[in-house]
Amino acid sequence: MTHNFQKDIAGCGLTGLIDKKGKGVDGSHIKTSLSLMTDRGNGLGAGYAAYGIYPEFEDYYAFHVMYDFESSRMEVEEILKANYDIEKKEEIPTAKVESIVINPLLMRYFVKPKAEKIRPGSNEKDFVVQFVMKVNSEIEGAYVFSSGKNMGAFKGVGNPQEIGDFFKIEEYTGYIWTGHTRFPTNTPGWWGGAHPFTLLDWSIVHNGEISSYGINKRYLEMYGYKLTLLTDTEVVAYLFDLLVRRHGLDIKTACTVLAAPFWKDIDRLDDDEREAYTTLRSTYASALLNGPFSLLFGHSKGLVGINDRIKLRPLVAATKGDMTYMASEESAIREICPDPERVWAPRAGDPVIVEREG
């Protein structure tokens, strides 16, 4: 009897790691892990995000910007000069990769907002977010794809090995890394649409589909966010910014909002817990993420992994010493950590929250 067993690809692959002591790990590790899952993508997008890579500019916002036209670059730089003190600007270093024939101009700027440009009652993070939204929605051919401090995203159209080689990922050292290989199904494959999606120091890599994208998008637009990047994952980065930075929720509570318990489970809780969860679900009904998903959420203080409430997309976690790893496949972890001390599949909707010590 002949069997034709097929691997369950389940679309997209993600991987991440964090050293809780804040020690640096060079980018060759995340590239090796992600490249093992190349068959989870189709070559239309891959990318990496890293934290702690710009220690010499740790007090500056690091803007990574893609340009399709020289005129777009000139327009963005005029806005930058008017609103920011620019410590350094340069092209993002890249290497020649035979399969990457066409790519946008990739620039980075290390900047601080000019104090006199920040309106009373606002703050510099709001100012940066407004700048990112303005560029991405109003300037044709320009896209700010990374805007945090001492961190950066590197992404484009290609498979994990190609994009890693193109950006010379192994030359960067960070204490948190995430990576993503993309298999777009109902959204276009383009440089700006590759993961990670970022805002300030938040970064998101995602496997699955956000079927609540429409209502999430309208909800975010009420708070001034502009969604222009043609993919559902964009809402997740902005929702974390809204819930954690602007509304002051802790990470665990924000995860409870995005992957909320079912009403039937809330009804079984004790009175106090039932009231708390009911209030969260009612208050943030439009922030709930529907659809199958697993995602990794990076920020300057830690790394979070979470599934939807039915666990329709895979997620595996492992630890060894001060290191925690998360990925779509256990094999992607063992490729860079052959003998982990603990390996487990997080429960549906139950976030794995790892914080950097200190």
Protein backbone atom coordinates (compact mmCIF):
# COMPACT_ATOMS: atom_id res chain seq x y z
CA MET A 1 0.00 0.00 0.00
CA THR A 2 1.40 3.37 -1.03
CA HIS A 3 0.95 6.44 1.15
CA ASN A 4 1.39 10.01 -0.01
CA PHE A 5 2.05 11.91 3.20
CA GLN A 6 2.35 15.67 2.79
CA LYS A 7 3.75 18.21 5.20
CA ASP A 8 1.17 20.59 6.66
CA ILE A 9 2.62 23.90 5.52
CA ALA A 10 -0.24 26.02 6.95
CA GLY A 11 1.15 29.11 5.24
CA CYS A 12 3.96 31.41 6.37
CA GLY A 13 6.72 30.68 8.86
CA LEU A 14 7.87 32.69 11.85
CA THR A 15 10.69 32.39 14.33
CA GLY A 16 12.08 34.42 17.19
CA LEU A 17 14.54 34.36 20.06
CA ILE A 18 15.39 36.42 23.12
CA ASP A 19 18.29 36.44 25.54
CA LYS A 20 16.74 37.48 28.86
CA LYS A 21 20.09 38.84 30.07
CA GLY A 22 20.25 41.19 27.09
CA LYS A 23 23.32 39.57 25.58
CA GLY A 24 23.81 39.97 21.85
CA VAL A 25 23.17 37.18 19.34
CA ASP A 26 24.37 37.69 15.79
CA GLY A 27 21.92 37.49 12.92
CA SER A 28 23.29 34.27 11.44
CA HIS A 29 21.22 32.33 14.01
CA ILE A 30 17.84 33.77 13.05
CA LYS A 31 18.66 33.43 9.35
CA THR A 32 19.55 29.76 9.83
CA SER A 33 16.35 29.12 11.77
CA LEU A 34 14.10 30.91 9.30
CA SER A 35 15.77 29.43 6.22
CA LEU A 36 14.87 25.95 7.45
CA MET A 37 11.21 26.96 6.88
CA THR A 38 11.69 28.34 3.38
CA ASP A 39 9.01 25.95 2.10
CA ARG A 40 6.43 27.70 4.27
CA GLY A 41 6.74 30.76 2.01
CA ASN A 42 6.64 31.28 -1.73
CA GLY A 43 9.46 33.78 -2.18
CA LEU A 44 7.19 36.83 -2.13
CA GLY A 45 8.38 38.18 1.20
CA ALA A 46 10.76 37.61 4.09
CA GLY A 47 12.18 39.78 6.81
CA TYR A 48 13.82 40.20 10.17
CA ALA A 49 13.60 42.53 13.16
CA ALA A 50 16.32 42.97 15.78
CA TYR A 51 16.69 44.86 19.06
CA GLY A 52 19.92 46.28 20.45
CA ILE A 53 21.60 46.66 17.06
CA TYR A 54 22.35 50.39 17.25
CA PRO A 55 23.92 50.94 20.70
CA GLU A 56 25.90 53.95 19.47
CA PHE A 57 22.60 55.64 18.53
CA GLU A 58 20.39 54.23 21.28
CA ASP A 59 18.86 57.63 22.09
CA TYR A 60 17.85 58.28 18.47
CA TYR A 61 14.91 57.01 16.47
CA ALA A 62 16.19 54.84 13.64
CA PHE A 63 14.01 55.43 10.58
CA HIS A 64 14.35 52.79 7.87
CA VAL A 65 12.74 54.11 4.70
CA MET A 66 12.03 52.58 1.28
CA TYR A 67 11.90 54.84 -1.77
CA ASP A 68 10.61 54.03 -5.24
CA PHE A 69 11.56 57.45 -6.64
CA GLU A 70 14.29 60.01 -6.03
CA SER A 71 11.58 62.67 -5.75
CA SER A 72 10.06 60.72 -2.85
CA ARG A 73 13.37 60.75 -1.01
CA MET A 74 13.76 64.49 -1.49
CA GLU A 75 10.24 65.14 -0.19
CA VAL A 76 10.71 62.99 2.92
CA GLU A 77 14.11 64.47 3.70
CA GLU A 78 12.68 67.99 3.52
CA ILE A 79 10.10 67.01 6.15
CA LEU A 80 12.80 65.37 8.25
CA LYS A 81 15.05 68.45 8.16
CA ALA A 82 12.15 70.66 9.21
CA ASN A 83 11.05 68.51 12.14
CA TYR A 84 14.03 66.48 13.36
CA ASP A 85 17.67 66.87 14.28
CA ILE A 86 19.42 64.36 12.02
CA GLU A 87 22.49 62.81 13.63
CA LYS A 88 23.30 60.54 10.69
CA LYS A 89 21.83 59.42 7.38
CA GLU A 90 23.06 56.69 5.06
CA GLU A 91 21.99 53.95 2.71
CA ILE A 92 21.23 50.71 4.52
CA PRO A 93 24.18 48.39 3.72
CA THR A 94 23.25 45.62 1.31
CA ALA A 95 25.02 42.90 -0.64
CA LYS A 96 24.51 41.82 -4.22
CA VAL A 97 22.15 38.83 -4.42
CA GLU A 98 21.66 37.35 -7.87
CA SER A 99 17.94 36.67 -7.45
CA ILE A 100 17.14 40.23 -6.24
CA VAL A 101 17.18 42.19 -9.46
CA ILE A 102 15.05 45.18 -8.48
CA ASN A 103 14.79 46.77 -5.06
CA PRO A 104 13.79 50.17 -3.70
CA LEU A 105 16.34 52.67 -2.45
CA LEU A 106 16.82 51.81 1.21
CA MET A 107 17.88 54.60 3.57
CA ARG A 108 18.20 54.96 7.33
CA TYR A 109 18.20 58.09 9.47
CA PHE A 110 19.09 58.48 13.15
CA VAL A 111 16.99 61.39 14.40
CA LYS A 112 15.49 63.23 17.37
CA PRO A 113 12.32 65.32 17.12
CA LYS A 114 12.85 69.06 17.50
CA ALA A 115 11.30 69.99 20.84
CA GLU A 116 9.62 73.12 19.46
CA LYS A 117 7.76 71.04 16.87
CA ILE A 118 5.92 68.91 19.43
CA ARG A 119 2.52 70.36 20.25
CA PRO A 120 1.54 71.02 23.88
CA GLY A 121 -0.23 68.01 25.34
CA SER A 122 1.54 65.65 22.93
CA ASN A 123 4.82 63.77 23.24
CA GLU A 124 7.66 62.71 20.97
CA LYS A 125 6.30 59.19 20.41
CA ASP A 126 3.00 60.62 19.18
CA PHE A 127 5.02 62.97 17.00
CA VAL A 128 6.96 60.06 15.47
CA VAL A 129 3.77 58.05 14.86
CA GLN A 130 2.20 61.03 13.09
CA PHE A 131 5.28 61.35 10.89
CA VAL A 132 5.18 57.66 9.95
CA MET A 133 1.47 57.86 9.13
CA LYS A 134 1.96 60.99 7.03
CA VAL A 135 4.79 59.55 4.96
CA ASN A 136 3.15 56.18 4.41
CA SER A 137 -0.23 57.60 3.44
CA GLU A 138 0.62 60.85 1.64
CA ILE A 139 4.00 60.56 -0.09
CA GLU A 140 3.88 58.33 -3.13
CA GLY A 141 6.74 55.86 -3.38
CA ALA A 142 7.94 56.31 0.22
CA TYR A 143 7.41 53.96 3.13
CA VAL A 144 8.83 54.14 6.67
CA PHE A 145 9.18 50.47 7.57
CA SER A 146 10.99 50.85 10.90
CA SER A 147 10.89 53.71 13.41
CA GLY A 148 12.05 52.53 16.84
CA LYS A 149 15.09 53.24 19.01
CA ASN A 150 18.03 50.85 18.96
CA MET A 151 16.13 48.41 16.76
CA GLY A 152 15.45 47.88 13.09
CA ALA A 153 13.46 45.88 10.56
CA PHE A 154 14.96 44.48 7.35
CA LYS A 155 12.55 43.03 4.80
CA GLY A 156 11.78 42.60 1.13
CA VAL A 157 10.65 40.32 -1.66
CA GLY A 158 12.61 37.08 -1.60
CA ASN A 159 13.08 33.98 0.50
CA PRO A 160 14.69 34.03 3.99
CA GLN A 161 18.21 33.22 2.78
CA GLU A 162 18.09 35.82 0.01
CA ILE A 163 16.76 38.63 2.22
CA GLY A 164 19.18 37.73 5.01
CA ASP A 165 22.10 37.77 2.60
CA PHE A 166 20.88 40.98 0.95
CA PHE A 167 20.76 42.89 4.24
CA LYS A 168 23.91 41.19 5.61
CA ILE A 169 21.93 40.17 8.67
CA GLU A 170 24.82 38.22 10.18
CA GLU A 171 26.68 41.51 10.72
CA TYR A 172 24.11 42.73 13.26
CA THR A 173 24.00 41.68 16.92
CA GLY A 174 20.79 41.91 18.94
CA TYR A 175 19.27 40.53 22.13
CA ILE A 176 15.88 39.91 20.46
CA TRP A 177 15.36 38.65 16.91
CA THR A 178 12.26 37.77 14.94
CA GLY A 179 11.98 36.47 11.39
CA HIS A 180 9.24 35.72 8.88
CA THR A 181 8.83 33.98 5.54
CA ARG A 182 5.67 34.91 3.70
CA PHE A 183 3.04 33.04 1.69
CA PRO A 184 0.59 35.82 0.73
CA THR A 185 -2.85 34.51 -0.16
CA ASN A 186 -5.21 37.46 -0.49
CA THR A 187 -2.80 40.40 -0.37
CA PRO A 188 -0.01 41.40 -2.78
CA GLY A 189 3.62 40.42 -2.39
CA TRP A 190 5.69 43.62 -2.36
CA TRP A 191 8.63 45.06 -0.41
CA GLY A 192 6.48 47.04 2.01
CA GLY A 193 4.08 44.14 2.52
CA ALA A 194 6.72 41.75 3.82
CA HIS A 195 6.87 41.15 7.57
CA PRO A 196 7.81 42.35 10.18
CA PHE A 197 5.39 45.24 10.52
CA THR A 198 6.58 47.85 12.96
CA LEU A 199 5.69 51.08 14.70
CA LEU A 200 8.05 52.71 17.19
CA ASP A 201 9.69 49.73 18.93
CA TRP A 202 6.73 47.35 18.34
CA SER A 203 7.25 44.67 15.69
CA ILE A 204 4.92 41.91 14.50
CA VAL A 205 5.44 38.73 12.47
CA HIS A 206 2.28 36.76 11.74
CA ASN A 207 1.11 33.48 10.25
CA GLY A 208 -2.56 33.27 9.34
CA GLU A 209 -5.33 35.60 8.37
CA ILE A 210 -6.97 38.46 10.27
CA SER A 211 -10.55 38.10 9.08
CA SER A 212 -11.58 40.98 11.36
CA TYR A 213 -9.28 43.34 9.42
CA GLY A 214 -12.14 45.59 8.27
CA ILE A 215 -13.52 46.35 11.72
CA ASN A 216 -10.02 46.53 13.27
CA LYS A 217 -9.01 49.04 10.58
CA ARG A 218 -12.04 51.26 11.15
CA TYR A 219 -11.48 51.12 14.91
CA LEU A 220 -7.84 52.21 14.56
CA GLU A 221 -8.76 55.01 12.17
CA MET A 222 -10.89 56.50 14.95
CA TYR A 223 -7.61 57.06 16.84
CA GLY A 224 -5.74 58.57 13.88
CA TYR A 225 -3.94 55.50 12.54
CA LYS A 226 -3.75 55.19 8.75
CA LEU A 227 -3.55 51.73 7.25
CA THR A 228 -2.07 51.82 3.79
CA LEU A 229 0.19 48.77 3.43
CA LEU A 230 -2.26 46.36 1.80
CA THR A 231 -2.05 43.52 4.29
CA ASP A 232 -4.04 42.44 7.33
CA THR A 233 -1.04 42.12 9.66
CA GLU A 234 -0.61 45.90 9.80
CA VAL A 235 -3.53 46.19 12.23
CA VAL A 236 -1.79 44.08 14.87
CA ALA A 237 1.22 46.40 15.24
CA TYR A 238 -1.02 49.43 15.58
CA LEU A 239 -3.39 47.70 18.03
CA PHE A 240 -0.49 46.93 20.37
CA ASP A 241 0.58 50.58 20.17
CA LEU A 242 -2.95 51.74 20.98
CA LEU A 243 -3.59 49.29 23.80
CA VAL A 244 -0.20 49.31 25.52
CA ARG A 245 1.35 52.71 24.85
CA ARG A 246 -1.73 54.91 24.60
CA HIS A 247 -4.26 53.12 26.81
CA GLY A 248 -1.74 51.82 29.34
CA LEU A 249 -2.71 48.13 29.35
CA ASP A 250 -0.06 45.64 30.36
CA ILE A 251 1.12 43.12 27.77
CA LYS A 252 -0.90 40.21 29.17
CA THR A 253 -4.12 42.23 29.24
CA ALA A 254 -3.51 43.46 25.69
CA CYS A 255 -3.12 39.83 24.57
CA THR A 256 -6.40 39.02 26.33
CA VAL A 257 -8.08 41.77 24.30
CA LEU A 258 -6.69 40.56 20.98
CA ALA A 259 -7.28 36.83 21.63
CA ALA A 260 -10.25 37.14 23.97
CA PRO A 261 -11.75 34.13 25.77
CA PHE A 262 -15.02 32.77 24.39
CA TRP A 263 -18.17 34.06 26.08
CA LYS A 264 -19.04 30.51 27.19
CA ASP A 265 -15.73 30.34 29.05
CA ILE A 266 -16.17 33.80 30.58
CA ASP A 267 -19.61 32.78 31.89
CA ARG A 268 -18.00 29.96 33.90
CA LEU A 269 -15.61 32.28 35.80
CA ASP A 270 -16.02 33.59 39.33
CA ASP A 271 -17.89 36.87 39.67
CA ASP A 272 -14.87 39.20 39.79
CA GLU A 273 -13.07 37.54 36.88
CA ARG A 274 -16.27 37.33 34.85
CA GLU A 275 -16.89 41.03 35.34
CA ALA A 276 -13.31 41.92 34.37
CA TYR A 277 -13.30 39.83 31.20
CA THR A 278 -16.78 41.02 30.25
CA THR A 279 -15.65 44.63 30.60
CA LEU A 280 -12.57 44.01 28.44
CA ARG A 281 -14.51 42.22 25.70
CA SER A 282 -17.21 44.90 25.68
CA THR A 283 -14.85 47.88 25.77
CA TYR A 284 -12.49 46.53 23.12
CA ALA A 285 -14.90 44.54 20.97
CA SER A 286 -13.54 46.16 17.80
CA ALA A 287 -9.94 45.29 18.74
CA LEU A 288 -10.63 41.55 18.89
CA LEU A 289 -8.68 39.58 16.27
CA ASN A 290 -10.77 36.99 14.43
CA GLY A 291 -9.42 34.29 12.17
CA PRO A 292 -6.58 31.78 12.35
CA PHE A 293 -3.30 33.26 13.57
CA SER A 294 -0.06 32.77 15.40
CA LEU A 295 2.14 35.79 15.93
CA LEU A 296 5.28 36.99 17.59
CA PHE A 297 5.29 40.46 19.10
CA GLY A 298 8.67 42.04 19.77
CA HIS A 299 9.36 45.18 21.77
CA SER A 300 12.39 46.69 23.48
CA LYS A 301 11.66 44.92 26.77
CA GLY A 302 10.64 41.47 25.59
CA LEU A 303 9.13 38.95 23.20
CA VAL A 304 5.59 37.59 23.13
CA GLY A 305 4.10 34.63 21.25
CA ILE A 306 0.37 33.97 20.97
CA ASN A 307 -2.16 31.87 19.04
CA ASP A 308 -5.81 32.37 18.23
CA ARG A 309 -8.29 30.81 20.66
CA ILE A 310 -8.67 27.61 18.59
CA LYS A 311 -4.96 27.32 17.72
CA LEU A 312 -5.50 27.11 13.99
CA ARG A 313 -1.88 28.00 13.29
CA PRO A 314 1.18 26.30 14.80
CA LEU A 315 3.45 27.78 17.46
CA VAL A 316 6.19 26.01 19.41
CA ALA A 317 8.34 27.41 22.24
CA ALA A 318 11.56 26.22 23.87
CA THR A 319 14.05 27.37 26.48
CA LYS A 320 17.69 26.80 27.27
CA GLY A 321 19.49 28.81 29.91
CA ASP A 322 18.74 32.48 29.39
CA MET A 323 17.42 31.88 25.87
CA THR A 324 13.80 31.47 24.82
CA TYR A 325 12.89 30.45 21.29
CA MET A 326 9.54 30.46 19.47
CA ALA A 327 8.77 29.27 15.96
CA SER A 328 6.21 27.71 13.66
CA GLU A 329 8.12 24.43 13.78
CA GLU A 330 10.17 22.71 16.46
CA SER A 331 12.74 21.90 13.78
CA ALA A 332 13.43 25.61 13.28
CA ILE A 333 14.32 25.87 16.97
CA ARG A 334 16.44 22.73 17.08
CA GLU A 335 18.36 23.91 14.03
CA ILE A 336 19.97 26.60 16.23
CA CYS A 337 19.41 25.00 19.67
CA PRO A 338 19.86 21.23 19.23
CA ASP A 339 19.28 20.30 22.88
CA PRO A 340 16.73 22.65 24.50
CA GLU A 341 15.89 22.10 28.16
CA ARG A 342 12.14 22.43 27.58
CA VAL A 343 9.94 22.33 24.47
CA TRP A 344 6.19 22.89 24.45
CA ALA A 345 3.27 23.99 22.27
CA PRO A 346 1.57 26.98 23.93
CA ARG A 347 -2.14 26.54 24.55
CA ALA A 348 -4.62 28.34 22.33
CA GLY A 349 -4.92 32.00 23.32
CA ASP A 350 -2.40 31.62 26.15
CA PRO A 351 0.50 34.02 25.50
CA VAL A 352 4.14 33.20 26.10
CA ILE A 353 5.52 36.42 27.59
CA VAL A 354 9.28 36.74 28.04
CA GLU A 355 10.78 39.93 29.47
CA ARG A 356 14.36 41.11 29.38
CA GLU A 357 15.78 41.28 32.89
CA GLY A 358 16.55 44.73 34.17
